[in-house]
C-alpha atoms as a PDB file:
ATOM      1  CA  MET A   1      10.467  55.735  10.572  1.00  0.00           C
ATOM      2  CA  ALA A   2      10.711  55.849  14.362  1.00  0.00           C
ATOM      3  CA  ILE A   3      10.177  52.210  15.359  1.00  0.00           C
ATOM      4  CA  LYS A   4       9.992  48.901  13.524  1.00  0.00           C
ATOM      5  CA  ILE A   5       9.273  45.592  15.261  1.00  0.00           C
ATOM      6  CA  GLU A   6       9.928  42.254  13.570  1.00  0.00           C
ATOM      7  CA  HIS A   7       8.736  38.869  14.844  1.00  0.00           C
ATOM      8  CA  LEU A   8       8.879  39.937  18.477  1.00  0.00           C
ATOM      9  CA  ASN A   9       8.307  37.231  21.076  1.00  0.00           C
ATOM     10  CA  TYR A  10       8.570  37.399  24.834  1.00  0.00           C
ATOM     11  CA  VAL A  11       8.215  34.572  27.342  1.00  0.00           C
ATOM     12  CA  TYR A  12       7.949  35.189  31.075  1.00  0.00           C
ATOM     13  CA  GLY A  13       9.750  32.641  33.231  1.00  0.00           C
ATOM     14  CA  GLN A  14      11.269  30.866  30.273  1.00  0.00           C
ATOM     15  CA  GLY A  15      12.472  27.379  31.181  1.00  0.00           C
ATOM     16  CA  THR A  16      10.498  27.298  34.447  1.00  0.00           C
ATOM     17  CA  ALA A  17       7.209  25.745  35.491  1.00  0.00           C
ATOM     18  CA  PHE A  18       5.666  29.224  35.306  1.00  0.00           C
ATOM     19  CA  GLU A  19       6.602  29.851  31.666  1.00  0.00           C
ATOM     20  CA  GLN A  20       4.064  32.023  29.859  1.00  0.00           C
ATOM     21  CA  GLN A  21       4.261  33.621  26.424  1.00  0.00           C
ATOM     22  CA  ALA A  22       3.328  37.297  26.726  1.00  0.00           C
ATOM     23  CA  LEU A  23       4.053  38.417  23.141  1.00  0.00           C
ATOM     24  CA  LYS A  24       3.617  36.252  20.041  1.00  0.00           C
ATOM     25  CA  ASP A  25       5.229  37.162  16.709  1.00  0.00           C
ATOM     26  CA  VAL A  26       4.411  40.863  16.887  1.00  0.00           C
ATOM     27  CA  ASN A  27       5.205  42.838  13.724  1.00  0.00           C
ATOM     28  CA  LEU A  28       4.700  46.575  13.739  1.00  0.00           C
ATOM     29  CA  GLU A  29       5.873  49.841  12.182  1.00  0.00           C
ATOM     30  CA  ILE A  30       5.417  53.225  13.851  1.00  0.00           C
ATOM     31  CA  GLN A  31       6.013  56.287  11.725  1.00  0.00           C
ATOM     32  CA  ASP A  32       7.367  59.570  13.065  1.00  0.00           C
ATOM     33  CA  GLY A  33       4.685  61.922  14.364  1.00  0.00           C
ATOM     34  CA  GLN A  34       1.868  59.394  14.743  1.00  0.00           C
ATOM     35  CA  PHE A  35      -0.589  59.459  17.656  1.00  0.00           C
ATOM     36  CA  ILE A  36      -1.320  55.813  18.420  1.00  0.00           C
ATOM     37  CA  GLY A  37      -3.792  54.265  20.830  1.00  0.00           C
ATOM     38  CA  LEU A  38      -2.880  50.882  22.291  1.00  0.00           C
ATOM     39  CA  ILE A  39      -5.764  48.875  23.723  1.00  0.00           C
ATOM     40  CA  GLY A  40      -6.423  45.398  25.023  1.00  0.00           C
ATOM     41  CA  HIS A  41      -7.864  43.649  28.052  1.00  0.00           C
ATOM     42  CA  THR A  42      -5.762  43.011  31.160  1.00  0.00           C
ATOM     43  CA  GLY A  43      -3.058  40.495  30.291  1.00  0.00           C
ATOM     44  CA  SER A  44      -3.227  41.166  26.553  1.00  0.00           C
ATOM     45  CA  GLY A  45       0.432  42.195  26.304  1.00  0.00           C
ATOM     46  CA  LYS A  46       0.081  46.006  26.177  1.00  0.00           C
ATOM     47  CA  SER A  47       2.379  46.831  29.078  1.00  0.00           C
ATOM     48  CA  THR A  48       4.883  44.168  28.072  1.00  0.00           C
ATOM     49  CA  LEU A  49       5.034  45.584  24.557  1.00  0.00           C
ATOM     50  CA  ILE A  50       5.617  49.211  25.572  1.00  0.00           C
ATOM     51  CA  GLN A  51       8.384  48.195  27.983  1.00  0.00           C
ATOM     52  CA  HIS A  52      10.193  46.598  25.056  1.00  0.00           C
ATOM     53  CA  LEU A  53      10.104  49.848  23.103  1.00  0.00           C
ATOM     54  CA  ASN A  54      12.634  51.608  25.311  1.00  0.00           C
ATOM     55  CA  GLY A  55      14.601  48.544  26.330  1.00  0.00           C
ATOM     56  CA  LEU A  56      13.232  47.935  29.829  1.00  0.00           C
ATOM     57  CA  ILE A  57      12.510  44.352  28.777  1.00  0.00           C
ATOM     58  CA  LYS A  58      14.587  42.362  26.298  1.00  0.00           C
ATOM     59  CA  ALA A  59      12.721  40.179  23.811  1.00  0.00           C
ATOM     60  CA  THR A  60      13.048  36.411  23.918  1.00  0.00           C
ATOM     61  CA  ASP A  61      13.590  36.662  20.167  1.00  0.00           C
ATOM     62  CA  GLY A  62      12.863  39.054  17.322  1.00  0.00           C
ATOM     63  CA  ALA A  63      14.144  42.544  16.586  1.00  0.00           C
ATOM     64  CA  ILE A  64      13.279  46.147  17.392  1.00  0.00           C
ATOM     65  CA  TYR A  65      14.679  48.885  15.186  1.00  0.00           C
ATOM     66  CA  TYR A  66      14.810  52.485  16.338  1.00  0.00           C
ATOM     67  CA  ASN A  67      15.620  54.910  13.514  1.00  0.00           C
ATOM     68  CA  GLY A  68      16.970  51.986  11.499  1.00  0.00           C
ATOM     69  CA  LYS A  69      19.233  50.438  14.159  1.00  0.00           C
ATOM     70  CA  ASN A  70      18.515  47.202  15.977  1.00  0.00           C
ATOM     71  CA  ILE A  71      18.477  47.939  19.706  1.00  0.00           C
ATOM     72  CA  TYR A  72      19.650  44.370  20.394  1.00  0.00           C
ATOM     73  CA  ASP A  73      22.890  44.766  18.470  1.00  0.00           C
ATOM     74  CA  ASP A  74      26.058  44.577  20.577  1.00  0.00           C
ATOM     75  CA  GLY A  75      27.151  48.004  21.749  1.00  0.00           C
ATOM     76  CA  TYR A  76      23.776  49.686  21.247  1.00  0.00           C
ATOM     77  CA  ASP A  77      23.381  52.604  23.658  1.00  0.00           C
ATOM     78  CA  MET A  78      20.292  51.710  25.714  1.00  0.00           C
ATOM     79  CA  ARG A  79      20.702  54.804  27.876  1.00  0.00           C
ATOM     80  CA  ALA A  80      20.412  57.017  24.810  1.00  0.00           C
ATOM     81  CA  LEU A  81      17.376  55.018  23.672  1.00  0.00           C
ATOM     82  CA  ARG A  82      15.585  55.669  26.963  1.00  0.00           C
ATOM     83  CA  SER A  83      16.189  59.380  26.533  1.00  0.00           C
ATOM     84  CA  ARG A  84      14.639  59.299  23.063  1.00  0.00           C
ATOM     85  CA  VAL A  85      11.758  56.962  23.925  1.00  0.00           C
ATOM     86  CA  GLY A  86      10.166  58.304  27.107  1.00  0.00           C
ATOM     87  CA  LEU A  87       7.830  56.108  29.146  1.00  0.00           C
ATOM     88  CA  VAL A  88       5.387  57.482  31.721  1.00  0.00           C
ATOM     89  CA  PHE A  89       4.025  54.710  33.920  1.00  0.00           C
ATOM     90  CA  GLN A  90       0.422  54.386  35.040  1.00  0.00           C
ATOM     91  CA  TYR A  91       1.231  55.313  38.634  1.00  0.00           C
ATOM     92  CA  PRO A  92       3.257  58.557  38.615  1.00  0.00           C
ATOM     93  CA  GLU A  93       4.394  58.174  42.221  1.00  0.00           C
ATOM     94  CA  HIS A  94       6.727  55.453  40.924  1.00  0.00           C
ATOM     95  CA  GLN A  95       8.601  58.151  38.988  1.00  0.00           C
ATOM     96  CA  LEU A  96       8.545  60.942  41.580  1.00  0.00           C
ATOM     97  CA  PHE A  97      11.186  60.861  44.280  1.00  0.00           C
ATOM     98  CA  GLU A  98      12.883  64.280  44.643  1.00  0.00           C
ATOM     99  CA  ILE A  99      12.279  66.867  47.360  1.00  0.00           C
ATOM    100  CA  ASP A 100      10.358  69.279  45.137  1.00  0.00           C
ATOM    101  CA  VAL A 101       8.752  69.454  41.711  1.00  0.00           C
ATOM    102  CA  PHE A 102      11.491  71.438  39.992  1.00  0.00           C
ATOM    103  CA  THR A 103      14.291  69.194  41.274  1.00  0.00           C
ATOM    104  CA  ASP A 104      12.332  66.142  40.187  1.00  0.00           C
ATOM    105  CA  VAL A 105      11.913  67.398  36.631  1.00  0.00           C
ATOM    106  CA  CYS A 106      15.600  68.329  36.502  1.00  0.00           C
ATOM    107  CA  PHE A 107      16.636  64.757  37.324  1.00  0.00           C
ATOM    108  CA  GLY A 108      16.424  63.362  33.773  1.00  0.00           C
ATOM    109  CA  PRO A 109      18.326  66.047  31.852  1.00  0.00           C
ATOM    110  CA  LYS A 110      20.903  66.239  34.656  1.00  0.00           C
ATOM    111  CA  ASN A 111      21.573  62.517  34.219  1.00  0.00           C
ATOM    112  CA  GLN A 112      21.989  63.145  30.495  1.00  0.00           C
ATOM    113  CA  GLY A 113      25.080  65.171  31.406  1.00  0.00           C
ATOM    114  CA  LEU A 114      23.632  68.578  30.573  1.00  0.00           C
ATOM    115  CA  SER A 115      24.853  71.741  32.266  1.00  0.00           C
ATOM    116  CA  LYS A 116      22.948  73.184  35.211  1.00  0.00           C
ATOM    117  CA  GLU A 117      21.687  76.040  33.045  1.00  0.00           C
ATOM    118  CA  GLU A 118      20.462  73.769  30.241  1.00  0.00           C
ATOM    119  CA  THR A 119      18.930  71.336  32.741  1.00  0.00           C
ATOM    120  CA  GLN A 120      16.959  74.096  34.455  1.00  0.00           C
ATOM    121  CA  SER A 121      15.912  75.615  31.153  1.00  0.00           C
ATOM    122  CA  ARG A 122      14.521  72.273  29.979  1.00  0.00           C
ATOM    123  CA  ALA A 123      12.726  71.742  33.291  1.00  0.00           C
ATOM    124  CA  ARG A 124      11.018  75.151  33.064  1.00  0.00           C
ATOM    125  CA  GLU A 125       9.961  74.520  29.476  1.00  0.00           C
ATOM    126  CA  ALA A 126       8.647  71.036  30.283  1.00  0.00           C
ATOM    127  CA  LEU A 127       6.633  72.264  33.262  1.00  0.00           C
ATOM    128  CA  THR A 128       5.173  75.026  31.119  1.00  0.00           C
ATOM    129  CA  MET A 129       4.201  72.430  28.484  1.00  0.00           C
ATOM    130  CA  VAL A 130       2.133  70.518  31.042  1.00  0.00           C
ATOM    131  CA  GLY A 131       0.528  73.651  32.472  1.00  0.00           C
ATOM    132  CA  LEU A 132       2.434  74.001  35.773  1.00  0.00           C
ATOM    133  CA  ASP A 133       3.782  77.469  36.590  1.00  0.00           C
ATOM    134  CA  GLU A 134       6.433  78.597  39.072  1.00  0.00           C
ATOM    135  CA  SER A 135       4.035  78.355  42.014  1.00  0.00           C
ATOM    136  CA  PHE A 136       4.488  74.557  41.811  1.00  0.00           C
ATOM    137  CA  TYR A 137       8.297  74.503  41.619  1.00  0.00           C
ATOM    138  CA  LYS A 138       9.023  74.209  45.358  1.00  0.00           C
ATOM    139  CA  GLN A 139       6.075  72.014  46.240  1.00  0.00           C
ATOM    140  CA  SER A 140       6.656  68.405  47.214  1.00  0.00           C
ATOM    141  CA  PRO A 141       5.446  66.173  44.372  1.00  0.00           C
ATOM    142  CA  PHE A 142       3.892  63.851  46.950  1.00  0.00           C
ATOM    143  CA  GLU A 143       1.534  66.592  48.163  1.00  0.00           C
ATOM    144  CA  LEU A 144       0.020  67.180  44.732  1.00  0.00           C
ATOM    145  CA  SER A 145      -3.283  65.892  43.382  1.00  0.00           C
ATOM    146  CA  GLY A 146      -3.344  62.814  41.165  1.00  0.00           C
ATOM    147  CA  GLY A 147      -3.626  64.905  38.016  1.00  0.00           C
ATOM    148  CA  GLN A 148      -0.787  67.211  39.081  1.00  0.00           C
ATOM    149  CA  LYS A 149       1.454  64.235  39.865  1.00  0.00           C
ATOM    150  CA  ARG A 150       0.847  62.933  36.376  1.00  0.00           C
ATOM    151  CA  ARG A 151       1.777  66.295  34.910  1.00  0.00           C
ATOM    152  CA  VAL A 152       5.032  66.332  36.862  1.00  0.00           C
ATOM    153  CA  ALA A 153       5.820  62.773  35.748  1.00  0.00           C
ATOM    154  CA  ILE A 154       5.163  63.713  32.118  1.00  0.00           C
ATOM    155  CA  ALA A 155       7.259  66.883  32.497  1.00  0.00           C
ATOM    156  CA  GLY A 156      10.135  64.794  33.867  1.00  0.00           C
ATOM    157  CA  VAL A 157      10.138  62.739  30.674  1.00  0.00           C
ATOM    158  CA  LEU A 158       9.605  65.749  28.393  1.00  0.00           C
ATOM    159  CA  ALA A 159      12.612  67.516  29.928  1.00  0.00           C
ATOM    160  CA  MET A 160      14.784  64.829  28.318  1.00  0.00           C
ATOM    161  CA  GLU A 161      13.331  65.893  24.936  1.00  0.00           C
ATOM    162  CA  PRO A 162      12.205  62.431  23.763  1.00  0.00           C
ATOM    163  CA  GLU A 163      11.220  61.785  20.176  1.00  0.00           C
ATOM    164  CA  VAL A 164       8.628  59.214  21.268  1.00  0.00           C
ATOM    165  CA  LEU A 165       6.370  59.597  24.321  1.00  0.00           C
ATOM    166  CA  ILE A 166       4.630  56.494  25.706  1.00  0.00           C
ATOM    167  CA  LEU A 167       1.900  56.975  28.310  1.00  0.00           C
ATOM    168  CA  ASP A 168       0.468  54.017  30.204  1.00  0.00           C
ATOM    169  CA  GLU A 169      -3.053  54.883  31.397  1.00  0.00           C
ATOM    170  CA  PRO A 170      -2.186  58.541  32.152  1.00  0.00           C
ATOM    171  CA  THR A 171      -5.760  59.369  33.237  1.00  0.00           C
ATOM    172  CA  ALA A 172      -6.467  56.346  35.452  1.00  0.00           C
ATOM    173  CA  GLY A 173      -8.349  57.391  38.581  1.00  0.00           C
ATOM    174  CA  LEU A 174      -8.821  61.022  37.534  1.00  0.00           C
ATOM    175  CA  ASP A 175     -12.135  62.858  37.479  1.00  0.00           C
ATOM    176  CA  PRO A 176     -13.506  63.877  34.038  1.00  0.00           C
ATOM    177  CA  ARG A 177     -12.033  67.373  34.220  1.00  0.00           C
ATOM    178  CA  GLY A 178      -8.583  66.116  35.201  1.00  0.00           C
ATOM    179  CA  ARG A 179      -8.712  63.479  32.473  1.00  0.00           C
ATOM    180  CA  ASP A 180      -9.607  66.020  29.791  1.00  0.00           C
ATOM    181  CA  GLU A 181      -6.899  68.437  30.937  1.00  0.00           C
ATOM    182  CA  ILE A 182      -4.189  65.759  30.769  1.00  0.00           C
ATOM    183  CA  LEU A 183      -5.285  64.485  27.358  1.00  0.00           C
ATOM    184  CA  ASP A 184      -5.641  67.988  25.932  1.00  0.00           C
ATOM    185  CA  GLN A 185      -2.077  68.730  27.065  1.00  0.00           C
ATOM    186  CA  ILE A 186      -0.868  65.529  25.390  1.00  0.00           C
ATOM    187  CA  GLU A 187      -2.699  66.421  22.183  1.00  0.00           C
ATOM    188  CA  ARG A 188      -1.068  69.861  22.167  1.00  0.00           C
ATOM    189  CA  LEU A 189       2.358  68.252  22.544  1.00  0.00           C
ATOM    190  CA  HIS A 190       1.615  66.045  19.578  1.00  0.00           C
ATOM    191  CA  HIS A 191       0.613  68.967  17.362  1.00  0.00           C
ATOM    192  CA  GLU A 192       3.157  71.541  18.542  1.00  0.00           C
ATOM    193  CA  LYS A 193       6.201  69.281  18.932  1.00  0.00           C
ATOM    194  CA  LYS A 194       5.321  66.784  16.165  1.00  0.00           C
ATOM    195  CA  MET A 195       6.022  64.120  18.765  1.00  0.00           C
ATOM    196  CA  THR A 196       5.246  60.443  18.239  1.00  0.00           C
ATOM    197  CA  ILE A 197       2.829  59.450  21.008  1.00  0.00           C
ATOM    198  CA  ILE A 198       1.638  56.019  22.124  1.00  0.00           C
ATOM    199  CA  LEU A 199      -1.313  56.168  24.493  1.00  0.00           C
ATOM    200  CA  VAL A 200      -2.350  53.068  26.445  1.00  0.00           C
ATOM    201  CA  SER A 201      -5.920  53.432  27.659  1.00  0.00           C
ATOM    202  CA  HIS A 202      -9.036  51.491  28.622  1.00  0.00           C
ATOM    203  CA  SER A 203     -11.248  54.428  27.639  1.00  0.00           C
ATOM    204  CA  MET A 204     -12.588  53.867  24.149  1.00  0.00           C
ATOM    205  CA  GLU A 205     -14.016  57.408  24.162  1.00  0.00           C
ATOM    206  CA  ASP A 206     -10.565  58.894  24.756  1.00  0.00           C
ATOM    207  CA  ILE A 207      -8.973  56.658  22.140  1.00  0.00           C
ATOM    208  CA  ALA A 208     -11.618  57.580  19.553  1.00  0.00           C
ATOM    209  CA  LYS A 209     -11.275  61.306  20.244  1.00  0.00           C
ATOM    210  CA  TYR A 210      -7.509  61.738  20.265  1.00  0.00           C
ATOM    211  CA  VAL A 211      -5.600  59.107  18.293  1.00  0.00           C
ATOM    212  CA  ASP A 212      -5.258  58.582  14.554  1.00  0.00           C
ATOM    213  CA  ARG A 213      -4.352  54.885  14.722  1.00  0.00           C
ATOM    214  CA  ILE A 214      -5.334  52.036  17.045  1.00  0.00           C
ATOM    215  CA  LEU A 215      -3.408  48.871  17.869  1.00  0.00           C
ATOM    216  CA  VAL A 216      -5.441  46.129  19.536  1.00  0.00           C
ATOM    217  CA  MET A 217      -3.667  43.388  21.481  1.00  0.00           C
ATOM    218  CA  ASN A 218      -5.186  40.075  22.535  1.00  0.00           C
ATOM    219  CA  HIS A 219      -3.315  37.242  24.276  1.00  0.00           C
ATOM    220  CA  GLY A 220       0.009  38.711  23.196  1.00  0.00           C
ATOM    221  CA  GLU A 221      -0.926  39.114  19.526  1.00  0.00           C
ATOM    222  CA  LYS A 222      -1.760  42.169  17.448  1.00  0.00           C
ATOM    223  CA  VAL A 223      -5.309  41.583  16.188  1.00  0.00           C
ATOM    224  CA  PHE A 224      -6.253  44.993  14.739  1.00  0.00           C
ATOM    225  CA  ASP A 225      -4.157  47.876  13.441  1.00  0.00           C
ATOM    226  CA  ASP A 226      -6.063  50.662  11.695  1.00  0.00           C
ATOM    227  CA  THR A 227      -7.801  54.017  12.074  1.00  0.00           C
ATOM    228  CA  PRO A 228     -10.346  54.383  14.906  1.00  0.00           C
ATOM    229  CA  LYS A 229     -13.266  54.323  12.468  1.00  0.00           C
ATOM    230  CA  GLU A 230     -12.093  51.077  10.893  1.00  0.00           C
ATOM    231  CA  VAL A 231     -11.245  49.366  14.179  1.00  0.00           C
ATOM    232  CA  PHE A 232     -14.544  50.288  15.849  1.00  0.00           C
ATOM    233  CA  LYS A 233     -16.490  48.830  12.928  1.00  0.00           C
ATOM    234  CA  HIS A 234     -15.457  45.540  14.505  1.00  0.00           C
ATOM    235  CA  TYR A 235     -17.170  46.319  17.804  1.00  0.00           C
ATOM    236  CA  LYS A 236     -18.671  42.844  18.058  1.00  0.00           C
ATOM    237  CA  GLU A 237     -15.243  41.254  17.657  1.00  0.00           C
ATOM    238  CA  LEU A 238     -13.877  43.690  20.244  1.00  0.00           C
ATOM    239  CA  GLU A 239     -16.615  42.643  22.657  1.00  0.00           C
ATOM    240  CA  ALA A 240     -15.623  39.015  22.138  1.00  0.00           C
ATOM    241  CA  ILE A 241     -12.105  39.755  23.425  1.00  0.00           C
ATOM    242  CA  GLY A 242     -13.247  41.763  26.434  1.00  0.00           C
ATOM    243  CA  LEU A 243     -13.246  45.237  24.908  1.00  0.00           C
ATOM    244  CA  ALA A 244     -15.896  47.538  23.472  1.00  0.00           C
ATOM    245  CA  ALA A 245     -16.431  50.474  21.143  1.00  0.00           C
ATOM    246  CA  PRO A 246     -17.183  54.012  22.336  1.00  0.00           C
ATOM    247  CA  GLN A 247     -20.713  54.294  23.767  1.00  0.00           C
ATOM    248  CA  ILE A 248     -21.733  56.583  20.907  1.00  0.00           C
ATOM    249  CA  THR A 249     -21.082  53.700  18.484  1.00  0.00           C
ATOM    250  CA  TYR A 250     -23.890  51.717  20.094  1.00  0.00           C
ATOM    251  CA  VAL A 251     -26.190  54.755  20.076  1.00  0.00           C
ATOM    252  CA  VAL A 252     -25.560  55.251  16.358  1.00  0.00           C
ATOM    253  CA  HIS A 253     -26.307  51.605  15.534  1.00  0.00           C
ATOM    254  CA  THR A 254     -29.492  51.747  17.609  1.00  0.00           C
ATOM    255  CA  LEU A 255     -30.631  54.822  15.689  1.00  0.00           C
ATOM    256  CA  ARG A 256     -29.917  53.075  12.394  1.00  0.00           C
ATOM    257  CA  ASP A 257     -31.896  50.035  13.555  1.00  0.00           C
ATOM    258  CA  HIS A 258     -34.838  52.406  14.069  1.00  0.00           C
ATOM    259  CA  GLY A 259     -34.585  53.822  10.565  1.00  0.00           C
ATOM    260  CA  VAL A 260     -32.503  56.968  11.205  1.00  0.00           C
ATOM    261  CA  PRO A 261     -30.114  57.396   8.230  1.00  0.00           C
ATOM    262  CA  ILE A 262     -27.104  58.312  10.382  1.00  0.00           C
ATOM    263  CA  ASP A 263     -23.519  57.559   9.338  1.00  0.00           C
ATOM    264  CA  ASN A 264     -22.450  54.295  10.994  1.00  0.00           C
ATOM    265  CA  ASN A 265     -18.764  55.355  10.973  1.00  0.00           C
ATOM    266  CA  ILE A 266     -19.276  57.874  13.771  1.00  0.00           C
ATOM    267  CA  THR A 267     -16.997  57.300  16.776  1.00  0.00           C
ATOM    268  CA  THR A 268     -17.198  60.520  18.818  1.00  0.00           C
ATOM    269  CA  VAL A 269     -19.980  62.505  20.480  1.00  0.00           C
ATOM    270  CA  GLU A 270     -18.975  65.585  18.500  1.00  0.00           C
ATOM    271  CA  GLU A 271     -19.393  63.737  15.207  1.00  0.00           C
ATOM    272  CA  ALA A 272     -22.782  62.418  16.299  1.00  0.00           C
ATOM    273  CA  ARG A 273     -23.949  65.889  17.302  1.00  0.00           C
ATOM    274  CA  ASP A 274     -22.957  67.384  13.952  1.00  0.00           C
ATOM    275  CA  GLU A 275     -24.540  64.516  12.023  1.00  0.00           C
ATOM    276  CA  ILE A 276     -27.841  64.700  13.944  1.00  0.00           C
ATOM    277  CA  LEU A 277     -28.034  68.479  13.528  1.00  0.00           C
ATOM    278  CA  ALA A 278     -27.391  68.085   9.797  1.00  0.00           C
ATOM    279  CA  LEU A 279     -30.137  65.449   9.545  1.00  0.00           C
ATOM    280  CA  LEU A 280     -32.595  67.660  11.418  1.00  0.00           C
ATOM    281  CA  LYS A 281     -31.759  70.604   9.183  1.00  0.00           C
ATOM    282  CA  LYS A 282     -32.195  68.472   6.068  1.00  0.00           C
ATOM    283  CA  GLU A 283     -35.527  67.170   7.327  1.00  0.00           C
ATOM    284  CA  GLY A 284     -36.709  70.702   8.089  1.00  0.00           C
ATOM    285  CA  GLN A 285     -35.733  71.927   4.637  1.00  0.00           C
ATOM    286  CA  ALA A 286     -37.550  68.995   3.028  1.00  0.00           C
ATOM    287  CA  ALA A 287     -40.684  69.761   5.023  1.00  0.00           C
ATOM    288  CA  CYS A 288     -40.568  73.415   3.972  1.00  0.00           C
ATOM    289  CA  GLY A 289     -39.969  72.489   0.372  1.00  0.00           C
ATOM    290  CA  ASP A 290     -43.023  70.223   0.069  1.00  0.00           C
ATOM    291  CA  GLY A 291     -45.316  72.715   1.775  1.00  0.00           C
ATOM    292  CA  SER A 292     -46.300  70.306   4.540  1.00  0.00           C
ATOM    293  CA  ARG A 293     -49.184  71.577   6.571  1.00  0.00           C
ATOM    294  CA  GLY A 294     -48.130  73.011   9.915  1.00  0.00           C
ATOM    295  CA  GLN A 295     -44.573  73.706   8.810  1.00  0.00           C
ATOM    296  CA  GLU A 296     -45.108  77.274   7.625  1.00  0.00           C
ATOM    297  CA  THR A 297     -44.216  78.798  10.984  1.00  0.00           C
ATOM    298  CA  LEU A 298     -40.880  76.871  10.984  1.00  0.00           C
ATOM    299  CA  CYS A 299     -39.841  77.826   7.472  1.00  0.00           C
END
């Protein structure tokens, strides 16, 4: 098991007039190799939660276990934790600060105490993983497009060879092509490296397409924790807390309301396409089988 959270609470400004509880008795287990989507409206506790997972924020009370060890125990190596649990922030420019792309990606493994040769080897491999070749190495990271900056930021974390990769809105502000390229790269990392991935996103379509488990936060509490199909069955409850289901979910329910016998567990466009084609094929075969007038030319 990668991460276990027990009775986690966090209060901003504790003991002041601005005290606010951001996390309330959160209990959670994350198994190795899972691809998890974390969703919730603004202020729901998503960002606060992920910053606890690699020790950037310390809980007011509760425990977080990484590979069986409580990260709040005296003497726990937080620096090692942050190498194993990599966090890519929503705005990549906050993580880019070196003179060129290659130097920037080398920063993490260099700080881990690796040799120059090993550091550079990891940087090359990480940049290859995110689809950036040698033509990018000497470019300033600040002159890149938004999508390219995100790739460099992700590569900088990957070069430290984390076991868990957390991405906070990695596609925010990108056009559809850039969004798909980033998410496809992340999906490949999950499959090829067997990496545990936590994806924070406001896009229900992306969450439905890529993840195998969804955590829903609301006012600092975990309110749903299940597969995408199970979570999106509760689309009305999600709407009540400021969220929604993928658009195709509403299309499917509209079709069912009009008598189309389509599976109401569909959460992606691809699933809907396959289901509709199968229904059309079945209807065509039924028409041919009963000899309906006018169908002979189709059969």
